[in-house]
Amino acid sequence: MAEYFERVRKNEDGDIVSFQTSSGKELSYEEAVAAVESGTIQGANVGKARNGRPVIRGNADGDPNNNLDNLPTF
């Protein structure tokens, strides 16, 4: 069964640096990218930022409340 991101940890600039999954696992940003790309995490996708680095985005569903930036922190 696929998991989803439930909480995020942000740095002092407000950037997401790690994720907590629905099973309580903490993933670094790099681990989260790999989990999304492998299909282990549902509800998110990986794109490329202008600088070429991978960026994790929540799948668009029209509900801003579940955007990754709006998830509770841990």
PDB file of N, CA and C in Angstrom:
ATOM      1  N   MET A   1       0.847  -1.190   0.000  1.00  0.00           N
ATOM      2  CA  MET A   1       0.000   0.000   0.000  1.00  0.00           C
ATOM      3  C   MET A   1       0.886   1.244   0.000  1.00  0.00           C
ATOM      4  N   ALA A   2       0.604   2.149  -0.887  1.00  0.00           N
ATOM      5  CA  ALA A   2       1.409   3.367  -1.003  1.00  0.00           C
ATOM      6  C   ALA A   2       1.141   4.296   0.176  1.00  0.00           C
ATOM      7  N   GLU A   3       2.150   5.005   0.543  1.00  0.00           N
ATOM      8  CA  GLU A   3       2.046   5.989   1.614  1.00  0.00           C
ATOM      9  C   GLU A   3       1.868   7.370   1.005  1.00  0.00           C
ATOM     10  N   TYR A   4       1.665   8.348   1.857  1.00  0.00           N
ATOM     11  CA  TYR A   4       1.588   9.737   1.420  1.00  0.00           C
ATOM     12  C   TYR A   4       2.298  10.599   2.450  1.00  0.00           C
ATOM     13  N   PHE A   5       2.616  11.823   2.060  1.00  0.00           N
ATOM     14  CA  PHE A   5       3.275  12.752   2.976  1.00  0.00           C
ATOM     15  C   PHE A   5       2.228  13.346   3.910  1.00  0.00           C
ATOM     16  N   GLU A   6       2.536  13.311   5.196  1.00  0.00           N
ATOM     17  CA  GLU A   6       1.599  13.801   6.205  1.00  0.00           C
ATOM     18  C   GLU A   6       2.078  15.082   6.873  1.00  0.00           C
ATOM     19  N   ARG A   7       3.392  15.207   7.049  1.00  0.00           N
ATOM     20  CA  ARG A   7       3.979  16.390   7.703  1.00  0.00           C
ATOM     21  C   ARG A   7       5.301  16.734   7.010  1.00  0.00           C
ATOM     22  N   VAL A   8       5.742  17.972   7.213  1.00  0.00           N
ATOM     23  CA  VAL A   8       7.005  18.418   6.618  1.00  0.00           C
ATOM     24  C   VAL A   8       7.865  19.114   7.666  1.00  0.00           C
ATOM     25  N   ARG A   9       9.153  19.125   7.431  1.00  0.00           N
ATOM     26  CA  ARG A   9      10.078  19.917   8.238  1.00  0.00           C
ATOM     27  C   ARG A   9      10.678  20.950   7.300  1.00  0.00           C
ATOM     28  N   LYS A  10      10.724  22.191   7.776  1.00  0.00           N
ATOM     29  CA  LYS A  10      11.241  23.294   6.953  1.00  0.00           C
ATOM     30  C   LYS A  10      12.478  23.891   7.594  1.00  0.00           C
ATOM     31  N   ASN A  11      13.329  24.477   6.756  1.00  0.00           N
ATOM     32  CA  ASN A  11      14.502  25.188   7.270  1.00  0.00           C
ATOM     33  C   ASN A  11      14.118  26.623   7.604  1.00  0.00           C
ATOM     34  N   GLU A  12      15.087  27.413   8.032  1.00  0.00           N
ATOM     35  CA  GLU A  12      14.805  28.787   8.450  1.00  0.00           C
ATOM     36  C   GLU A  12      14.320  29.675   7.302  1.00  0.00           C
ATOM     37  N   ASP A  13      14.546  29.245   6.056  1.00  0.00           N
ATOM     38  CA  ASP A  13      14.061  29.996   4.892  1.00  0.00           C
ATOM     39  C   ASP A  13      12.656  29.568   4.469  1.00  0.00           C
ATOM     40  N   GLY A  14      12.091  28.568   5.152  1.00  0.00           N
ATOM     41  CA  GLY A  14      10.765  28.085   4.814  1.00  0.00           C
ATOM     42  C   GLY A  14      10.752  27.006   3.744  1.00  0.00           C
ATOM     43  N   ASP A  15      11.932  26.510   3.362  1.00  0.00           N
ATOM     44  CA  ASP A  15      12.019  25.442   2.368  1.00  0.00           C
ATOM     45  C   ASP A  15      11.832  24.091   3.046  1.00  0.00           C
ATOM     46  N   ILE A  16      11.095  23.199   2.399  1.00  0.00           N
ATOM     47  CA  ILE A  16      10.903  21.853   2.933  1.00  0.00           C
ATOM     48  C   ILE A  16      12.219  21.089   2.813  1.00  0.00           C
ATOM     49  N   VAL A  17      12.662  20.497   3.932  1.00  0.00           N
ATOM     50  CA  VAL A  17      13.924  19.753   3.934  1.00  0.00           C
ATOM     51  C   VAL A  17      13.731  18.270   4.233  1.00  0.00           C
ATOM     52  N   SER A  18      12.581  17.902   4.813  1.00  0.00           N
ATOM     53  CA  SER A  18      12.290  16.490   5.042  1.00  0.00           C
ATOM     54  C   SER A  18      10.786  16.311   5.187  1.00  0.00           C
ATOM     55  N   PHE A  19      10.376  15.050   5.090  1.00  0.00           N
ATOM     56  CA  PHE A  19       8.963  14.697   5.104  1.00  0.00           C
ATOM     57  C   PHE A  19       8.713  13.598   6.116  1.00  0.00           C
ATOM     58  N   GLN A  20       7.516  13.586   6.682  1.00  0.00           N
ATOM     59  CA  GLN A  20       7.071  12.457   7.491  1.00  0.00           C
ATOM     60  C   GLN A  20       5.930  11.798   6.723  1.00  0.00           C
ATOM     61  N   THR A  21       6.019  10.480   6.582  1.00  0.00           N
ATOM     62  CA  THR A  21       5.011   9.758   5.808  1.00  0.00           C
ATOM     63  C   THR A  21       3.844   9.342   6.688  1.00  0.00           C
ATOM     64  N   SER A  22       2.831   8.814   6.051  1.00  0.00           N
ATOM     65  CA  SER A  22       1.633   8.380   6.768  1.00  0.00           C
ATOM     66  C   SER A  22       1.914   7.231   7.731  1.00  0.00           C
ATOM     67  N   SER A  23       3.034   6.527   7.550  1.00  0.00           N
ATOM     68  CA  SER A  23       3.400   5.467   8.499  1.00  0.00           C
ATOM     69  C   SER A  23       4.343   5.972   9.589  1.00  0.00           C
ATOM     70  N   GLY A  24       4.661   7.289   9.552  1.00  0.00           N
ATOM     71  CA  GLY A  24       5.522   7.874  10.570  1.00  0.00           C
ATOM     72  C   GLY A  24       6.994   7.893  10.224  1.00  0.00           C
ATOM     73  N   LYS A  25       7.351   7.388   9.049  1.00  0.00           N
ATOM     74  CA  LYS A  25       8.748   7.375   8.621  1.00  0.00           C
ATOM     75  C   LYS A  25       9.196   8.783   8.243  1.00  0.00           C
ATOM     76  N   GLU A  26      10.410   9.156   8.652  1.00  0.00           N
ATOM     77  CA  GLU A  26      10.967  10.435   8.246  1.00  0.00           C
ATOM     78  C   GLU A  26      11.911  10.219   7.067  1.00  0.00           C
ATOM     79  N   LEU A  27      11.718  11.004   6.018  1.00  0.00           N
ATOM     80  CA  LEU A  27      12.548  10.908   4.824  1.00  0.00           C
ATOM     81  C   LEU A  27      13.223  12.243   4.563  1.00  0.00           C
ATOM     82  N   SER A  28      14.516  12.201   4.265  1.00  0.00           N
ATOM     83  CA  SER A  28      15.202  13.413   3.812  1.00  0.00           C
ATOM     84  C   SER A  28      14.605  13.803   2.466  1.00  0.00           C
ATOM     85  N   TYR A  29      14.920  14.992   1.990  1.00  0.00           N
ATOM     86  CA  TYR A  29      14.395  15.429   0.700  1.00  0.00           C
ATOM     87  C   TYR A  29      14.818  14.460  -0.399  1.00  0.00           C
ATOM     88  N   GLU A  30      16.068  14.046  -0.369  1.00  0.00           N
ATOM     89  CA  GLU A  30      16.596  13.139  -1.396  1.00  0.00           C
ATOM     90  C   GLU A  30      15.904  11.775  -1.326  1.00  0.00           C
ATOM     91  N   GLU A  31      15.681  11.271  -0.106  1.00  0.00           N
ATOM     92  CA  GLU A  31      14.972  10.003   0.050  1.00  0.00           C
ATOM     93  C   GLU A  31      13.528  10.129  -0.433  1.00  0.00           C
ATOM     94  N   ALA A  32      12.922  11.281  -0.168  1.00  0.00           N
ATOM     95  CA  ALA A  32      11.543  11.513  -0.596  1.00  0.00           C
ATOM     96  C   ALA A  32      11.445  11.549  -2.117  1.00  0.00           C
ATOM     97  N   VAL A  33      12.415  12.167  -2.787  1.00  0.00           N
ATOM     98  CA  VAL A  33      12.432  12.185  -4.255  1.00  0.00           C
ATOM     99  C   VAL A  33      12.440  10.752  -4.776  1.00  0.00           C
ATOM    100  N   ALA A  34      13.321   9.925  -4.235  1.00  0.00           N
ATOM    101  CA  ALA A  34      13.425   8.531  -4.676  1.00  0.00           C
ATOM    102  C   ALA A  34      12.125   7.775  -4.406  1.00  0.00           C
ATOM    103  N   ALA A  35      11.494   8.024  -3.261  1.00  0.00           N
ATOM    104  CA  ALA A  35      10.252   7.330  -2.912  1.00  0.00           C
ATOM    105  C   ALA A  35       9.112   7.727  -3.848  1.00  0.00           C
ATOM    106  N   VAL A  36       9.035   8.999  -4.205  1.00  0.00           N
ATOM    107  CA  VAL A  36       7.999   9.449  -5.141  1.00  0.00           C
ATOM    108  C   VAL A  36       8.256   8.840  -6.517  1.00  0.00           C
ATOM    109  N   GLU A  37       9.502   8.882  -6.962  1.00  0.00           N
ATOM    110  CA  GLU A  37       9.835   8.352  -8.281  1.00  0.00           C
ATOM    111  C   GLU A  37       9.591   6.845  -8.383  1.00  0.00           C
ATOM    112  N   SER A  38       9.756   6.133  -7.284  1.00  0.00           N
ATOM    113  CA  SER A  38       9.548   4.679  -7.297  1.00  0.00           C
ATOM    114  C   SER A  38       8.087   4.292  -7.104  1.00  0.00           C
ATOM    115  N   GLY A  39       7.227   5.270  -6.795  1.00  0.00           N
ATOM    116  CA  GLY A  39       5.815   4.978  -6.588  1.00  0.00           C
ATOM    117  C   GLY A  39       5.466   4.587  -5.169  1.00  0.00           C
ATOM    118  N   THR A  40       6.422   4.650  -4.260  1.00  0.00           N
ATOM    119  CA  THR A  40       6.163   4.321  -2.863  1.00  0.00           C
ATOM    120  C   THR A  40       5.269   5.365  -2.202  1.00  0.00           C
ATOM    121  N   ILE A  41       5.377   6.603  -2.659  1.00  0.00           N
ATOM    122  CA  ILE A  41       4.582   7.710  -2.123  1.00  0.00           C
ATOM    123  C   ILE A  41       3.547   8.116  -3.159  1.00  0.00           C
ATOM    124  N   GLN A  42       2.307   8.207  -2.737  1.00  0.00           N
ATOM    125  CA  GLN A  42       1.250   8.655  -3.642  1.00  0.00           C
ATOM    126  C   GLN A  42       0.930  10.125  -3.379  1.00  0.00           C
ATOM    127  N   GLY A  43       0.284  10.764  -4.342  1.00  0.00           N
ATOM    128  CA  GLY A  43      -0.166  12.140  -4.182  1.00  0.00           C
ATOM    129  C   GLY A  43       0.894  13.183  -4.449  1.00  0.00           C
ATOM    130  N   ALA A  44       2.033  12.773  -5.006  1.00  0.00           N
ATOM    131  CA  ALA A  44       3.108  13.723  -5.288  1.00  0.00           C
ATOM    132  C   ALA A  44       3.815  13.315  -6.568  1.00  0.00           C
ATOM    133  N   ASN A  45       4.536  14.266  -7.145  1.00  0.00           N
ATOM    134  CA  ASN A  45       5.326  13.995  -8.333  1.00  0.00           C
ATOM    135  C   ASN A  45       6.621  14.776  -8.246  1.00  0.00           C
ATOM    136  N   VAL A  46       7.592  14.409  -9.069  1.00  0.00           N
ATOM    137  CA  VAL A  46       8.894  15.071  -9.077  1.00  0.00           C
ATOM    138  C   VAL A  46       9.070  15.783 -10.408  1.00  0.00           C
ATOM    139  N   GLY A  47       9.380  17.058 -10.323  1.00  0.00           N
ATOM    140  CA  GLY A  47       9.692  17.858 -11.498  1.00  0.00           C
ATOM    141  C   GLY A  47      11.104  18.400 -11.377  1.00  0.00           C
ATOM    142  N   LYS A  48      11.451  19.310 -12.239  1.00  0.00           N
ATOM    143  CA  LYS A  48      12.778  19.936 -12.209  1.00  0.00           C
ATOM    144  C   LYS A  48      12.621  21.433 -11.974  1.00  0.00           C
ATOM    145  N   ALA A  49      13.410  21.952 -11.057  1.00  0.00           N
ATOM    146  CA  ALA A  49      13.453  23.392 -10.829  1.00  0.00           C
ATOM    147  C   ALA A  49      14.261  24.045 -11.947  1.00  0.00           C
ATOM    148  N   ARG A  50      14.229  25.346 -12.012  1.00  0.00           N
ATOM    149  CA  ARG A  50      14.991  26.063 -13.047  1.00  0.00           C
ATOM    150  C   ARG A  50      16.479  25.763 -12.981  1.00  0.00           C
ATOM    151  N   ASN A  51      16.961  25.489 -11.776  1.00  0.00           N
ATOM    152  CA  ASN A  51      18.388  25.197 -11.617  1.00  0.00           C
ATOM    153  C   ASN A  51      18.709  23.724 -11.909  1.00  0.00           C
ATOM    154  N   GLY A  52      17.687  22.949 -12.307  1.00  0.00           N
ATOM    155  CA  GLY A  52      17.896  21.561 -12.671  1.00  0.00           C
ATOM    156  C   GLY A  52      17.737  20.568 -11.535  1.00  0.00           C
ATOM    157  N   ARG A  53      17.601  21.058 -10.308  1.00  0.00           N
ATOM    158  CA  ARG A  53      17.435  20.160  -9.162  1.00  0.00           C
ATOM    159  C   ARG A  53      16.019  19.605  -9.133  1.00  0.00           C
ATOM    160  N   PRO A  54      15.854  18.385  -8.617  1.00  0.00           N
ATOM    161  CA  PRO A  54      14.503  17.825  -8.517  1.00  0.00           C
ATOM    162  C   PRO A  54      13.684  18.564  -7.466  1.00  0.00           C
ATOM    163  N   VAL A  55      12.417  18.735  -7.769  1.00  0.00           N
ATOM    164  CA  VAL A  55      11.504  19.391  -6.834  1.00  0.00           C
ATOM    165  C   VAL A  55      10.257  18.516  -6.699  1.00  0.00           C
ATOM    166  N   ILE A  56       9.836  18.313  -5.449  1.00  0.00           N
ATOM    167  CA  ILE A  56       8.655  17.496  -5.173  1.00  0.00           C
ATOM    168  C   ILE A  56       7.443  18.420  -5.108  1.00  0.00           C
ATOM    169  N   ARG A  57       6.405  18.013  -5.817  1.00  0.00           N
ATOM    170  CA  ARG A  57       5.158  18.779  -5.823  1.00  0.00           C
ATOM    171  C   ARG A  57       4.005  17.835  -5.503  1.00  0.00           C
ATOM    172  N   GLY A  58       3.017  18.373  -4.811  1.00  0.00           N
ATOM    173  CA  GLY A  58       1.795  17.608  -4.614  1.00  0.00           C
ATOM    174  C   GLY A  58       1.028  17.562  -5.926  1.00  0.00           C
ATOM    175  N   ASN A  59       0.337  16.470  -6.182  1.00  0.00           N
ATOM    176  CA  ASN A  59      -0.484  16.376  -7.387  1.00  0.00           C
ATOM    177  C   ASN A  59      -1.607  17.394  -7.309  1.00  0.00           C
ATOM    178  N   ALA A  60      -1.841  18.087  -8.398  1.00  0.00           N
ATOM    179  CA  ALA A  60      -2.886  19.108  -8.435  1.00  0.00           C
ATOM    180  C   ALA A  60      -4.256  18.459  -8.295  1.00  0.00           C
ATOM    181  N   ASP A  61      -5.014  18.965  -7.321  1.00  0.00           N
ATOM    182  CA  ASP A  61      -6.369  18.461  -7.146  1.00  0.00           C
ATOM    183  C   ASP A  61      -7.350  19.591  -6.852  1.00  0.00           C
ATOM    184  N   GLY A  62      -6.887  20.841  -6.962  1.00  0.00           N
ATOM    185  CA  GLY A  62      -7.757  21.990  -6.744  1.00  0.00           C
ATOM    186  C   GLY A  62      -7.957  22.364  -5.290  1.00  0.00           C
ATOM    187  N   ASP A  63      -7.365  21.616  -4.364  1.00  0.00           N
ATOM    188  CA  ASP A  63      -7.516  21.893  -2.937  1.00  0.00           C
ATOM    189  C   ASP A  63      -6.194  22.415  -2.379  1.00  0.00           C
ATOM    190  N   PRO A  64      -6.071  23.725  -2.151  1.00  0.00           N
ATOM    191  CA  PRO A  64      -4.802  24.275  -1.655  1.00  0.00           C
ATOM    192  C   PRO A  64      -4.453  23.834  -0.241  1.00  0.00           C
ATOM    193  N   ASN A  65      -5.417  23.315   0.507  1.00  0.00           N
ATOM    194  CA  ASN A  65      -5.159  22.908   1.891  1.00  0.00           C
ATOM    195  C   ASN A  65      -4.203  21.730   1.996  1.00  0.00           C
ATOM    196  N   ASN A  66      -4.114  20.895   0.953  1.00  0.00           N
ATOM    197  CA  ASN A  66      -3.228  19.742   1.045  1.00  0.00           C
ATOM    198  C   ASN A  66      -1.952  19.920   0.221  1.00  0.00           C
ATOM    199  N   ASN A  67      -1.668  21.160  -0.207  1.00  0.00           N
ATOM    200  CA  ASN A  67      -0.390  21.425  -0.863  1.00  0.00           C
ATOM    201  C   ASN A  67       0.732  21.130   0.123  1.00  0.00           C
ATOM    202  N   LEU A  68       1.858  20.651  -0.363  1.00  0.00           N
ATOM    203  CA  LEU A  68       2.952  20.259   0.528  1.00  0.00           C
ATOM    204  C   LEU A  68       3.374  21.395   1.452  1.00  0.00           C
ATOM    205  N   ASP A  69       3.391  22.632   0.954  1.00  0.00           N
ATOM    206  CA  ASP A  69       3.779  23.768   1.794  1.00  0.00           C
ATOM    207  C   ASP A  69       2.797  24.013   2.934  1.00  0.00           C
ATOM    208  N   ASN A  70       1.572  23.542   2.779  1.00  0.00           N
ATOM    209  CA  ASN A  70       0.544  23.769   3.798  1.00  0.00           C
ATOM    210  C   ASN A  70       0.387  22.601   4.775  1.00  0.00           C
ATOM    211  N   LEU A  71       1.171  21.550   4.610  1.00  0.00           N
ATOM    212  CA  LEU A  71       1.083  20.428   5.542  1.00  0.00           C
ATOM    213  C   LEU A  71       1.616  20.857   6.910  1.00  0.00           C
ATOM    214  N   PRO A  72       1.138  20.244   7.986  1.00  0.00           N
ATOM    215  CA  PRO A  72       1.661  20.569   9.317  1.00  0.00           C
ATOM    216  C   PRO A  72       3.139  20.216   9.408  1.00  0.00           C
ATOM    217  N   THR A  73       3.831  20.898  10.298  1.00  0.00           N
ATOM    218  CA  THR A  73       5.250  20.628  10.488  1.00  0.00           C
ATOM    219  C   THR A  73       5.452  19.632  11.627  1.00  0.00           C
ATOM    220  N   PHE A  74       6.628  19.057  11.672  1.00  0.00           N
ATOM    221  CA  PHE A  74       6.974  18.124  12.758  1.00  0.00           C
ATOM    222  C   PHE A  74       8.361  18.446  13.260  1.00  0.00           C
TER     223      PHE A  74
END
